[in-house]
N, C-alpha and C. Protein backbone atom coordinates (compact mmCIF):
# COMPACT_ATOMS: atom_id res chain seq x y z
N MET A 1 58.94 278.44 106.58
CA MET A 1 57.64 278.58 107.25
C MET A 1 56.96 277.21 107.36
N ALA A 2 57.05 276.39 106.26
CA ALA A 2 56.42 275.08 106.24
C ALA A 2 57.04 274.18 107.30
N ALA A 3 58.36 274.30 107.48
CA ALA A 3 59.05 273.45 108.46
C ALA A 3 58.58 273.78 109.87
N GLU A 4 58.23 275.04 110.15
CA GLU A 4 57.79 275.43 111.48
C GLU A 4 56.37 274.93 111.76
N ALA A 5 55.55 274.74 110.70
CA ALA A 5 54.16 274.34 110.88
C ALA A 5 54.02 272.86 111.17
N ARG A 6 55.02 272.04 110.73
CA ARG A 6 54.91 270.59 110.86
C ARG A 6 54.74 270.10 112.30
N PRO A 7 55.47 270.63 113.29
CA PRO A 7 55.33 270.10 114.66
C PRO A 7 53.93 270.28 115.23
N THR A 8 53.16 271.23 114.73
CA THR A 8 51.81 271.45 115.28
C THR A 8 50.81 270.44 114.73
N ARG A 9 51.15 269.77 113.63
CA ARG A 9 50.21 268.84 113.01
C ARG A 9 49.86 267.66 113.93
N PRO A 10 50.83 267.02 114.58
CA PRO A 10 50.48 265.92 115.50
C PRO A 10 49.59 266.40 116.65
N ILE A 11 49.80 267.63 117.13
CA ILE A 11 48.98 268.16 118.22
C ILE A 11 47.52 268.29 117.78
N VAL A 12 47.33 268.77 116.55
CA VAL A 12 45.98 268.91 116.00
C VAL A 12 45.32 267.54 115.89
N ILE A 13 46.07 266.56 115.43
CA ILE A 13 45.52 265.20 115.28
C ILE A 13 45.13 264.62 116.64
N ILE A 14 45.99 264.80 117.64
CA ILE A 14 45.71 264.30 119.00
C ILE A 14 44.48 264.99 119.58
N ALA A 15 44.38 266.31 119.38
CA ALA A 15 43.23 267.06 119.89
C ALA A 15 41.94 266.59 119.24
N ALA A 16 41.99 266.35 117.93
CA ALA A 16 40.81 265.88 117.21
C ALA A 16 40.40 264.49 117.70
N PHE A 17 41.42 263.63 117.94
CA PHE A 17 41.13 262.28 118.44
C PHE A 17 40.49 262.34 119.83
N ALA A 18 41.04 263.21 120.70
CA ALA A 18 40.51 263.35 122.06
C ALA A 18 39.06 263.87 122.02
N GLY A 19 38.83 264.84 121.14
CA GLY A 19 37.47 265.38 121.01
C GLY A 19 36.49 264.31 120.56
N SER A 20 36.91 263.50 119.59
CA SER A 20 36.05 262.42 119.09
C SER A 20 35.78 261.39 120.19
N LEU A 21 36.81 261.12 120.99
CA LEU A 21 36.66 260.16 122.08
C LEU A 21 35.64 260.65 123.11
N ILE A 22 35.71 261.94 123.45
CA ILE A 22 34.76 262.52 124.41
C ILE A 22 33.34 262.45 123.88
N VAL A 23 33.16 262.85 122.60
CA VAL A 23 31.83 262.80 121.98
C VAL A 23 31.31 261.36 121.98
N GLY A 24 32.20 260.42 121.64
CA GLY A 24 31.82 259.00 121.62
C GLY A 24 31.37 258.51 122.99
N LEU A 25 32.09 258.90 124.02
CA LEU A 25 31.72 258.49 125.38
C LEU A 25 30.38 259.08 125.80
N VAL A 26 30.14 260.34 125.44
CA VAL A 26 28.86 261.00 125.77
C VAL A 26 27.71 260.27 125.07
N VAL A 27 27.89 259.95 123.78
CA VAL A 27 26.85 259.24 123.03
C VAL A 27 26.61 257.86 123.64
N LEU A 28 27.70 257.17 123.99
CA LEU A 28 27.57 255.84 124.60
C LEU A 28 26.81 255.90 125.93
N LEU A 29 27.15 256.88 126.75
CA LEU A 29 26.44 257.06 128.03
C LEU A 29 24.96 257.33 127.81
N TRP A 30 24.67 258.16 126.81
CA TRP A 30 23.27 258.48 126.50
C TRP A 30 22.51 257.24 126.06
N LEU A 31 23.14 256.43 125.18
CA LEU A 31 22.49 255.22 124.70
C LEU A 31 22.24 254.23 125.82
N LEU A 32 23.15 254.16 126.77
CA LEU A 32 23.01 253.24 127.90
C LEU A 32 22.12 253.78 129.00
N GLY A 33 21.67 255.03 128.85
CA GLY A 33 20.81 255.62 129.87
C GLY A 33 21.57 256.26 131.01
N GLY A 34 22.90 256.29 130.90
CA GLY A 34 23.72 256.83 131.98
C GLY A 34 23.49 258.31 132.21
N LEU A 35 23.36 259.07 131.13
CA LEU A 35 23.16 260.51 131.29
C LEU A 35 21.82 260.81 131.92
N GLU A 36 20.81 260.01 131.55
CA GLU A 36 19.48 260.22 132.13
C GLU A 36 19.53 259.98 133.64
N LYS A 37 20.28 258.94 134.06
CA LYS A 37 20.38 258.63 135.48
C LYS A 37 21.09 259.73 136.24
N VAL A 38 22.09 260.30 135.62
CA VAL A 38 22.85 261.37 136.28
C VAL A 38 22.00 262.62 136.42
N ALA A 39 21.24 262.94 135.36
CA ALA A 39 20.49 264.20 135.33
C ALA A 39 19.14 264.10 136.03
N ALA A 40 18.64 262.86 136.26
CA ALA A 40 17.31 262.69 136.82
C ALA A 40 17.25 263.20 138.25
N PRO A 41 16.11 263.77 138.66
CA PRO A 41 15.97 264.22 140.05
C PRO A 41 15.90 263.03 140.99
N ALA A 42 16.16 263.28 142.25
CA ALA A 42 16.11 262.22 143.25
C ALA A 42 14.71 261.62 143.29
N THR A 43 14.65 260.31 143.35
CA THR A 43 13.35 259.64 143.34
C THR A 43 12.64 259.81 144.69
N ILE A 44 11.33 259.80 144.63
CA ILE A 44 10.50 259.88 145.82
C ILE A 44 9.63 258.64 145.84
N GLY A 45 9.64 257.95 146.97
CA GLY A 45 8.90 256.70 147.10
C GLY A 45 9.85 255.53 147.21
N GLY A 46 9.32 254.38 147.58
CA GLY A 46 10.15 253.19 147.74
C GLY A 46 9.50 252.20 148.68
N PRO A 47 10.21 251.12 148.97
CA PRO A 47 9.64 250.06 149.81
C PRO A 47 9.31 250.55 151.22
N PHE A 48 8.18 250.08 151.75
CA PHE A 48 7.82 250.34 153.14
C PHE A 48 6.83 249.28 153.59
N GLN A 49 6.68 249.13 154.89
CA GLN A 49 5.67 248.23 155.44
C GLN A 49 5.14 248.84 156.73
N LEU A 50 3.86 249.22 156.70
CA LEU A 50 3.21 249.84 157.85
C LEU A 50 1.87 249.13 158.09
N THR A 51 1.18 249.54 159.14
CA THR A 51 -0.12 248.94 159.49
C THR A 51 -1.18 250.02 159.51
N ASP A 52 -2.35 249.72 158.92
CA ASP A 52 -3.41 250.72 158.93
C ASP A 52 -4.21 250.65 160.23
N GLN A 53 -5.21 251.51 160.36
CA GLN A 53 -5.95 251.62 161.62
C GLN A 53 -6.79 250.39 161.94
N ASN A 54 -6.94 249.51 160.94
CA ASN A 54 -7.70 248.26 161.15
C ASN A 54 -6.79 247.04 161.32
N GLY A 55 -5.48 247.30 161.42
CA GLY A 55 -4.54 246.21 161.63
C GLY A 55 -4.07 245.53 160.36
N GLN A 56 -4.43 246.08 159.19
CA GLN A 56 -4.02 245.50 157.91
C GLN A 56 -2.64 246.03 157.49
N VAL A 57 -1.81 245.14 156.99
CA VAL A 57 -0.48 245.54 156.52
C VAL A 57 -0.61 246.27 155.18
N VAL A 58 0.10 247.39 155.07
CA VAL A 58 0.11 248.18 153.83
C VAL A 58 1.57 248.35 153.41
N THR A 59 1.86 248.05 152.14
CA THR A 59 3.22 248.21 151.60
C THR A 59 3.17 249.08 150.35
N GLU A 60 4.33 249.29 149.75
CA GLU A 60 4.37 250.07 148.51
C GLU A 60 3.56 249.40 147.40
N GLN A 61 3.37 248.07 147.49
CA GLN A 61 2.58 247.36 146.49
C GLN A 61 1.09 247.73 146.58
N SER A 62 0.66 248.18 147.76
CA SER A 62 -0.74 248.56 147.97
C SER A 62 -1.11 249.81 147.17
N LEU A 63 -0.09 250.59 146.77
CA LEU A 63 -0.34 251.82 146.01
C LEU A 63 -0.71 251.52 144.56
N LYS A 64 -0.29 250.36 144.06
CA LYS A 64 -0.43 250.08 142.63
C LYS A 64 -1.88 249.79 142.24
N GLY A 65 -2.26 250.32 141.09
CA GLY A 65 -3.60 250.10 140.57
C GLY A 65 -4.53 251.28 140.77
N LYS A 66 -4.16 252.19 141.69
CA LYS A 66 -4.96 253.38 141.94
C LYS A 66 -4.04 254.58 142.13
N PRO A 67 -4.49 255.78 141.74
CA PRO A 67 -3.73 256.96 142.14
C PRO A 67 -3.80 257.09 143.67
N THR A 68 -2.76 257.66 144.26
CA THR A 68 -2.66 257.70 145.72
C THR A 68 -2.31 259.10 146.21
N LEU A 69 -3.03 259.54 147.25
CA LEU A 69 -2.67 260.75 147.97
C LEU A 69 -2.07 260.33 149.31
N ILE A 70 -0.91 260.89 149.65
CA ILE A 70 -0.24 260.56 150.91
C ILE A 70 0.09 261.85 151.65
N PHE A 71 -0.28 261.88 152.92
CA PHE A 71 0.06 263.01 153.77
C PHE A 71 0.72 262.50 155.04
N PHE A 72 1.85 263.11 155.42
CA PHE A 72 2.58 262.74 156.62
C PHE A 72 2.25 263.71 157.75
N GLY A 73 1.93 263.19 158.93
CA GLY A 73 1.61 264.04 160.06
C GLY A 73 1.53 263.24 161.34
N PHE A 74 0.74 263.73 162.31
CA PHE A 74 0.59 263.02 163.58
C PHE A 74 -0.70 263.44 164.25
N THR A 75 -1.25 262.57 165.08
CA THR A 75 -2.58 262.79 165.64
C THR A 75 -2.63 263.93 166.66
N HIS A 76 -1.49 264.27 167.27
CA HIS A 76 -1.47 265.37 168.24
C HIS A 76 -1.21 266.73 167.58
N CYS A 77 -1.20 266.75 166.27
CA CYS A 77 -0.94 267.98 165.52
C CYS A 77 -2.11 268.96 165.74
N PRO A 78 -1.81 270.20 166.14
CA PRO A 78 -2.89 271.12 166.49
C PRO A 78 -3.62 271.77 165.32
N ASP A 79 -2.97 271.92 164.17
CA ASP A 79 -3.62 272.68 163.10
C ASP A 79 -3.36 272.17 161.68
N ILE A 80 -2.10 272.03 161.30
CA ILE A 80 -1.77 271.68 159.91
C ILE A 80 -2.39 270.35 159.50
N CYS A 81 -2.23 269.33 160.33
CA CYS A 81 -2.71 267.99 159.97
C CYS A 81 -4.23 267.91 159.85
N PRO A 82 -4.98 268.37 160.86
CA PRO A 82 -6.44 268.31 160.69
C PRO A 82 -6.94 269.12 159.51
N THR A 83 -6.28 270.24 159.22
CA THR A 83 -6.67 271.05 158.06
C THR A 83 -6.44 270.28 156.77
N ALA A 84 -5.27 269.66 156.63
CA ALA A 84 -4.94 268.90 155.42
C ALA A 84 -5.88 267.71 155.26
N LEU A 85 -6.15 267.00 156.34
CA LEU A 85 -7.03 265.83 156.27
C LEU A 85 -8.47 266.24 155.96
N PHE A 86 -8.89 267.38 156.46
CA PHE A 86 -10.22 267.91 156.13
C PHE A 86 -10.30 268.23 154.64
N GLU A 87 -9.24 268.85 154.10
CA GLU A 87 -9.20 269.19 152.67
C GLU A 87 -9.20 267.93 151.81
N ILE A 88 -8.43 266.91 152.21
CA ILE A 88 -8.43 265.64 151.48
C ILE A 88 -9.82 265.01 151.53
N SER A 89 -10.46 265.07 152.70
CA SER A 89 -11.81 264.51 152.85
C SER A 89 -12.79 265.20 151.92
N GLN A 90 -12.67 266.53 151.78
CA GLN A 90 -13.56 267.27 150.88
C GLN A 90 -13.37 266.83 149.42
N VAL A 91 -12.11 266.60 149.04
CA VAL A 91 -11.82 266.14 147.67
C VAL A 91 -12.41 264.75 147.45
N LEU A 92 -12.24 263.87 148.43
CA LEU A 92 -12.78 262.51 148.32
C LEU A 92 -14.30 262.55 148.21
N GLN A 93 -14.93 263.42 148.96
CA GLN A 93 -16.39 263.55 148.88
C GLN A 93 -16.82 264.11 147.53
N ALA A 94 -16.03 265.04 146.99
CA ALA A 94 -16.34 265.62 145.68
C ALA A 94 -16.18 264.59 144.56
N LEU A 95 -15.37 263.56 144.80
CA LEU A 95 -15.18 262.51 143.80
C LEU A 95 -16.38 261.59 143.70
N GLY A 96 -17.23 261.57 144.72
CA GLY A 96 -18.39 260.68 144.71
C GLY A 96 -17.95 259.22 144.68
N LYS A 97 -18.55 258.44 143.78
CA LYS A 97 -18.22 257.00 143.70
C LYS A 97 -16.78 256.76 143.27
N ASP A 98 -16.18 257.73 142.57
CA ASP A 98 -14.79 257.58 142.14
C ASP A 98 -13.80 257.57 143.31
N ALA A 99 -14.26 257.96 144.49
CA ALA A 99 -13.38 257.94 145.66
C ALA A 99 -12.92 256.51 145.98
N ASP A 100 -13.73 255.51 145.56
CA ASP A 100 -13.35 254.12 145.77
C ASP A 100 -12.16 253.73 144.90
N ARG A 101 -11.86 254.54 143.91
CA ARG A 101 -10.76 254.25 142.97
C ARG A 101 -9.48 255.01 143.32
N ILE A 102 -9.46 255.58 144.53
CA ILE A 102 -8.32 256.38 145.00
C ILE A 102 -7.80 255.79 146.31
N ASN A 103 -6.48 255.76 146.48
CA ASN A 103 -5.89 255.47 147.79
C ASN A 103 -5.63 256.81 148.48
N ALA A 104 -5.96 256.90 149.76
CA ALA A 104 -5.66 258.11 150.53
C ALA A 104 -5.09 257.68 151.88
N TYR A 105 -3.81 258.05 152.12
CA TYR A 105 -3.12 257.60 153.33
C TYR A 105 -2.64 258.77 154.18
N PHE A 106 -2.84 258.64 155.47
CA PHE A 106 -2.29 259.55 156.47
C PHE A 106 -1.21 258.77 157.21
N VAL A 107 0.05 259.12 156.99
CA VAL A 107 1.18 258.38 157.56
C VAL A 107 1.72 259.10 158.78
N SER A 108 1.77 258.40 159.90
CA SER A 108 2.23 259.03 161.14
C SER A 108 3.75 259.15 161.19
N VAL A 109 4.21 260.33 161.63
CA VAL A 109 5.64 260.55 161.88
C VAL A 109 5.93 260.47 163.39
N ASP A 110 4.92 260.01 164.14
CA ASP A 110 5.01 259.94 165.61
C ASP A 110 4.62 258.54 166.08
N PRO A 111 5.45 257.53 165.76
CA PRO A 111 5.07 256.15 166.07
C PRO A 111 4.94 255.84 167.55
N GLU A 112 5.60 256.63 168.39
CA GLU A 112 5.52 256.38 169.83
C GLU A 112 4.10 256.57 170.37
N ARG A 113 3.35 257.49 169.79
CA ARG A 113 1.99 257.77 170.26
C ARG A 113 0.91 257.28 169.32
N ASP A 114 1.22 257.22 168.03
CA ASP A 114 0.18 256.92 167.04
C ASP A 114 0.09 255.42 166.74
N THR A 115 -0.59 254.71 167.63
CA THR A 115 -0.87 253.30 167.43
C THR A 115 -2.04 253.17 166.45
N PRO A 116 -2.29 251.97 165.92
CA PRO A 116 -3.46 251.79 165.05
C PRO A 116 -4.76 252.22 165.74
N ALA A 117 -4.88 251.96 167.03
CA ALA A 117 -6.09 252.36 167.76
C ALA A 117 -6.23 253.88 167.83
N ALA A 118 -5.10 254.56 168.07
CA ALA A 118 -5.12 256.03 168.12
C ALA A 118 -5.45 256.61 166.75
N MET A 119 -4.91 255.99 165.70
CA MET A 119 -5.19 256.46 164.34
C MET A 119 -6.66 256.25 163.99
N LYS A 120 -7.21 255.12 164.41
CA LYS A 120 -8.62 254.82 164.10
C LYS A 120 -9.54 255.84 164.77
N ASP A 121 -9.26 256.15 166.01
CA ASP A 121 -10.06 257.13 166.74
C ASP A 121 -9.95 258.51 166.09
N TYR A 122 -8.73 258.90 165.72
CA TYR A 122 -8.48 260.21 165.13
C TYR A 122 -9.17 260.35 163.78
N LEU A 123 -9.09 259.31 162.95
CA LEU A 123 -9.63 259.39 161.59
C LEU A 123 -11.14 259.25 161.53
N SER A 124 -11.77 258.94 162.64
CA SER A 124 -13.23 258.82 162.66
C SER A 124 -13.90 260.17 162.35
N SER A 125 -13.13 261.26 162.44
CA SER A 125 -13.67 262.60 162.14
C SER A 125 -13.55 262.97 160.67
N PHE A 126 -12.94 262.09 159.86
CA PHE A 126 -12.68 262.42 158.46
C PHE A 126 -13.33 261.41 157.53
N ASP A 127 -13.13 261.60 156.23
CA ASP A 127 -13.73 260.71 155.24
C ASP A 127 -13.29 259.26 155.48
N PRO A 128 -14.22 258.31 155.39
CA PRO A 128 -13.89 256.91 155.67
C PRO A 128 -12.91 256.27 154.69
N HIS A 129 -12.67 256.91 153.55
CA HIS A 129 -11.69 256.38 152.60
C HIS A 129 -10.25 256.57 153.10
N LEU A 130 -10.05 257.50 154.03
CA LEU A 130 -8.71 257.78 154.54
C LEU A 130 -8.23 256.64 155.43
N LYS A 131 -7.02 256.15 155.14
CA LYS A 131 -6.41 255.12 155.97
C LYS A 131 -5.22 255.72 156.71
N GLY A 132 -5.12 255.40 158.00
CA GLY A 132 -4.01 255.89 158.81
C GLY A 132 -2.94 254.82 158.95
N LEU A 133 -1.72 255.15 158.57
CA LEU A 133 -0.63 254.18 158.61
C LEU A 133 0.37 254.52 159.70
N SER A 134 0.76 253.52 160.46
CA SER A 134 1.78 253.71 161.49
C SER A 134 2.61 252.44 161.59
N GLY A 135 3.71 252.53 162.35
CA GLY A 135 4.58 251.36 162.48
C GLY A 135 5.63 251.60 163.54
N THR A 136 6.66 250.80 163.52
CA THR A 136 7.77 250.96 164.46
C THR A 136 8.58 252.19 164.09
N ARG A 137 9.47 252.60 164.96
CA ARG A 137 10.36 253.72 164.64
C ARG A 137 11.19 253.40 163.40
N GLU A 138 11.68 252.16 163.29
CA GLU A 138 12.49 251.78 162.13
C GLU A 138 11.68 251.86 160.83
N ALA A 139 10.44 251.36 160.88
CA ALA A 139 9.58 251.39 159.69
C ALA A 139 9.22 252.82 159.32
N THR A 140 9.01 253.66 160.34
CA THR A 140 8.70 255.07 160.10
C THR A 140 9.88 255.79 159.48
N ASP A 141 11.07 255.52 160.02
CA ASP A 141 12.29 256.12 159.46
C ASP A 141 12.46 255.72 158.00
N GLN A 142 12.13 254.48 157.67
CA GLN A 142 12.30 253.98 156.31
C GLN A 142 11.41 254.72 155.32
N ILE A 143 10.12 254.89 155.67
CA ILE A 143 9.23 255.58 154.72
C ILE A 143 9.54 257.07 154.66
N GLU A 144 9.96 257.66 155.78
CA GLU A 144 10.34 259.08 155.76
C GLU A 144 11.53 259.30 154.82
N LYS A 145 12.49 258.39 154.88
CA LYS A 145 13.66 258.50 154.01
C LYS A 145 13.27 258.31 152.54
N ALA A 146 12.40 257.31 152.29
CA ALA A 146 11.98 257.02 150.91
C ALA A 146 11.24 258.19 150.29
N TYR A 147 10.43 258.89 151.09
CA TYR A 147 9.64 260.01 150.58
C TYR A 147 10.28 261.37 150.87
N ARG A 148 11.50 261.33 151.38
CA ARG A 148 12.26 262.55 151.67
C ARG A 148 11.47 263.50 152.57
N VAL A 149 10.89 262.92 153.60
CA VAL A 149 10.08 263.68 154.55
C VAL A 149 10.96 264.16 155.71
N TYR A 150 10.81 265.42 156.05
CA TYR A 150 11.47 265.96 157.24
C TYR A 150 10.52 265.80 158.42
N ALA A 151 11.01 265.22 159.50
CA ALA A 151 10.21 265.09 160.73
C ALA A 151 11.15 265.13 161.93
N LYS A 152 10.84 265.99 162.88
CA LYS A 152 11.71 266.15 164.05
C LYS A 152 10.88 266.39 165.30
N LYS A 153 11.24 265.67 166.37
CA LYS A 153 10.56 265.84 167.66
C LYS A 153 11.03 267.14 168.30
N VAL A 154 10.08 267.95 168.77
CA VAL A 154 10.39 269.24 169.39
C VAL A 154 9.80 269.27 170.80
N PRO A 155 10.64 269.33 171.84
CA PRO A 155 10.12 269.35 173.22
C PRO A 155 9.29 270.61 173.48
N THR A 156 8.26 270.46 174.33
CA THR A 156 7.44 271.60 174.73
C THR A 156 7.65 271.88 176.22
N LYS A 157 7.12 272.99 176.70
CA LYS A 157 7.36 273.43 178.07
C LYS A 157 6.81 272.47 179.12
N ASP A 158 5.75 271.76 178.78
CA ASP A 158 5.12 270.88 179.76
C ASP A 158 5.69 269.45 179.76
N ALA A 159 6.94 269.33 179.34
CA ALA A 159 7.64 268.04 179.30
C ALA A 159 7.05 267.08 178.26
N ASP A 160 6.22 267.60 177.39
CA ASP A 160 5.65 266.82 176.29
C ASP A 160 6.46 267.15 175.04
N TYR A 161 5.92 266.84 173.87
CA TYR A 161 6.61 267.20 172.63
C TYR A 161 5.61 267.35 171.50
N THR A 162 6.03 268.06 170.48
CA THR A 162 5.28 268.15 169.24
C THR A 162 6.21 267.71 168.11
N MET A 163 5.74 267.75 166.88
CA MET A 163 6.55 267.31 165.74
C MET A 163 6.57 268.38 164.66
N ASP A 164 7.77 268.74 164.24
CA ASP A 164 7.92 269.53 163.02
C ASP A 164 7.97 268.53 161.87
N HIS A 165 7.27 268.81 160.77
CA HIS A 165 7.28 267.83 159.68
C HIS A 165 6.91 268.46 158.35
N THR A 166 7.28 267.77 157.29
CA THR A 166 6.89 268.15 155.94
C THR A 166 5.37 268.12 155.83
N ALA A 167 4.80 269.13 155.21
CA ALA A 167 3.33 269.23 155.15
C ALA A 167 2.81 269.19 153.71
N LEU A 168 3.43 268.38 152.87
CA LEU A 168 2.96 268.23 151.49
C LEU A 168 1.98 267.08 151.37
N VAL A 169 1.08 267.18 150.39
CA VAL A 169 0.27 266.03 150.00
C VAL A 169 0.93 265.47 148.74
N TYR A 170 1.38 264.23 148.82
CA TYR A 170 2.07 263.60 147.69
C TYR A 170 1.04 262.94 146.78
N LEU A 171 1.20 263.12 145.47
CA LEU A 171 0.37 262.43 144.49
C LEU A 171 1.23 261.37 143.80
N MET A 172 0.79 260.11 143.89
CA MET A 172 1.46 259.00 143.22
C MET A 172 0.52 258.48 142.13
N ASP A 173 1.07 258.04 141.01
CA ASP A 173 0.22 257.52 139.94
C ASP A 173 -0.16 256.06 140.19
N LYS A 174 -0.86 255.45 139.24
CA LYS A 174 -1.35 254.09 139.42
C LYS A 174 -0.23 253.05 139.45
N SER A 175 0.95 253.44 139.05
CA SER A 175 2.10 252.54 139.12
C SER A 175 2.87 252.71 140.42
N GLY A 176 2.41 253.65 141.27
CA GLY A 176 3.11 253.90 142.53
C GLY A 176 4.27 254.86 142.40
N ARG A 177 4.33 255.57 141.26
CA ARG A 177 5.42 256.54 141.04
C ARG A 177 4.97 257.94 141.42
N PHE A 178 5.89 258.70 141.98
CA PHE A 178 5.60 260.07 142.39
C PHE A 178 5.31 260.94 141.17
N VAL A 179 4.21 261.71 141.24
CA VAL A 179 3.85 262.64 140.17
C VAL A 179 4.28 264.05 140.55
N SER A 180 3.75 264.54 141.68
CA SER A 180 4.04 265.90 142.14
C SER A 180 3.33 266.12 143.47
N PRO A 181 3.67 267.23 144.16
CA PRO A 181 2.83 267.61 145.30
C PRO A 181 1.44 267.95 144.77
N PHE A 182 0.41 267.55 145.50
CA PHE A 182 -0.96 267.79 145.05
C PHE A 182 -1.49 269.07 145.68
N ASN A 183 -1.95 269.97 144.83
CA ASN A 183 -2.42 271.28 145.29
C ASN A 183 -3.80 271.17 145.94
N MET A 184 -3.86 271.44 147.24
CA MET A 184 -5.12 271.38 147.97
C MET A 184 -5.77 272.76 148.12
N LYS A 185 -5.05 273.80 147.76
CA LYS A 185 -5.56 275.16 147.96
C LYS A 185 -6.41 275.62 146.78
N ARG A 186 -7.50 274.92 146.56
CA ARG A 186 -8.47 275.25 145.50
C ARG A 186 -9.78 274.59 145.87
N LYS A 187 -10.80 274.83 145.08
CA LYS A 187 -12.10 274.23 145.38
C LYS A 187 -11.99 272.71 145.29
N PRO A 188 -12.67 271.98 146.20
CA PRO A 188 -12.62 270.52 146.18
C PRO A 188 -13.00 269.93 144.82
N GLU A 189 -13.96 270.56 144.14
CA GLU A 189 -14.40 270.06 142.83
C GLU A 189 -13.27 270.16 141.80
N GLU A 190 -12.49 271.24 141.88
CA GLU A 190 -11.36 271.42 140.95
C GLU A 190 -10.28 270.38 141.22
N ALA A 191 -9.97 270.17 142.50
CA ALA A 191 -8.97 269.18 142.86
C ALA A 191 -9.42 267.78 142.47
N ALA A 192 -10.71 267.50 142.65
CA ALA A 192 -11.26 266.19 142.28
C ALA A 192 -11.17 265.97 140.78
N ALA A 193 -11.47 266.99 140.00
CA ALA A 193 -11.38 266.89 138.53
C ALA A 193 -9.95 266.63 138.10
N ASP A 194 -9.00 267.28 138.76
CA ASP A 194 -7.58 267.06 138.47
C ASP A 194 -7.19 265.63 138.79
N LEU A 195 -7.64 265.13 139.93
CA LEU A 195 -7.29 263.78 140.37
C LEU A 195 -7.85 262.72 139.42
N LYS A 196 -9.02 263.00 138.84
CA LYS A 196 -9.65 262.03 137.93
C LYS A 196 -8.80 261.75 136.69
N ARG A 197 -7.90 262.69 136.37
CA ARG A 197 -7.04 262.49 135.20
C ARG A 197 -6.10 261.31 135.39
N TYR A 198 -5.89 260.91 136.65
CA TYR A 198 -4.93 259.83 136.93
C TYR A 198 -5.61 258.49 137.17
N LEU A 199 -6.95 258.46 137.06
CA LEU A 199 -7.67 257.21 137.27
C LEU A 199 -7.41 256.20 136.15
């Protein structure tokens, strides 16, 4: 019986060695941060360069130092965009003087029509803290990709077009890192109180 058991001993040793090797590799990956990188969700945000309604250049560096609300849309939007911008305006007004400590950006997904002049005219109906950002098609594609925004031109019957697009309000912290979608479906005072936590 003992003679029959001997051949299995090397197999047990090899299996134990392989198991130890796997555990060692997992620990090494964890120490190096490899596992965190693999398990982490896709990042939102990144480099961009656009122009605001006053002709000033705005980049990802402009987000730093203040919490930031970002909404993607277009000036010819019939309902979703004006509603979202009105809600953001109400929150900014509820913040009072603290609104100066917040960045609020309306980023156009329709660069062919949304020039800085068009953005300035459109935003005159909303809170003055809101800045409208637009740029070339390439620059627009870059920020859409960085923020994982869906935007697609949809032809209309009158040979014009509208835009399908992501309708989230993004909340970024003072370091310019994505926190979460910001809930606008509540009282402006509640949303303002929530936003103050990131000041």
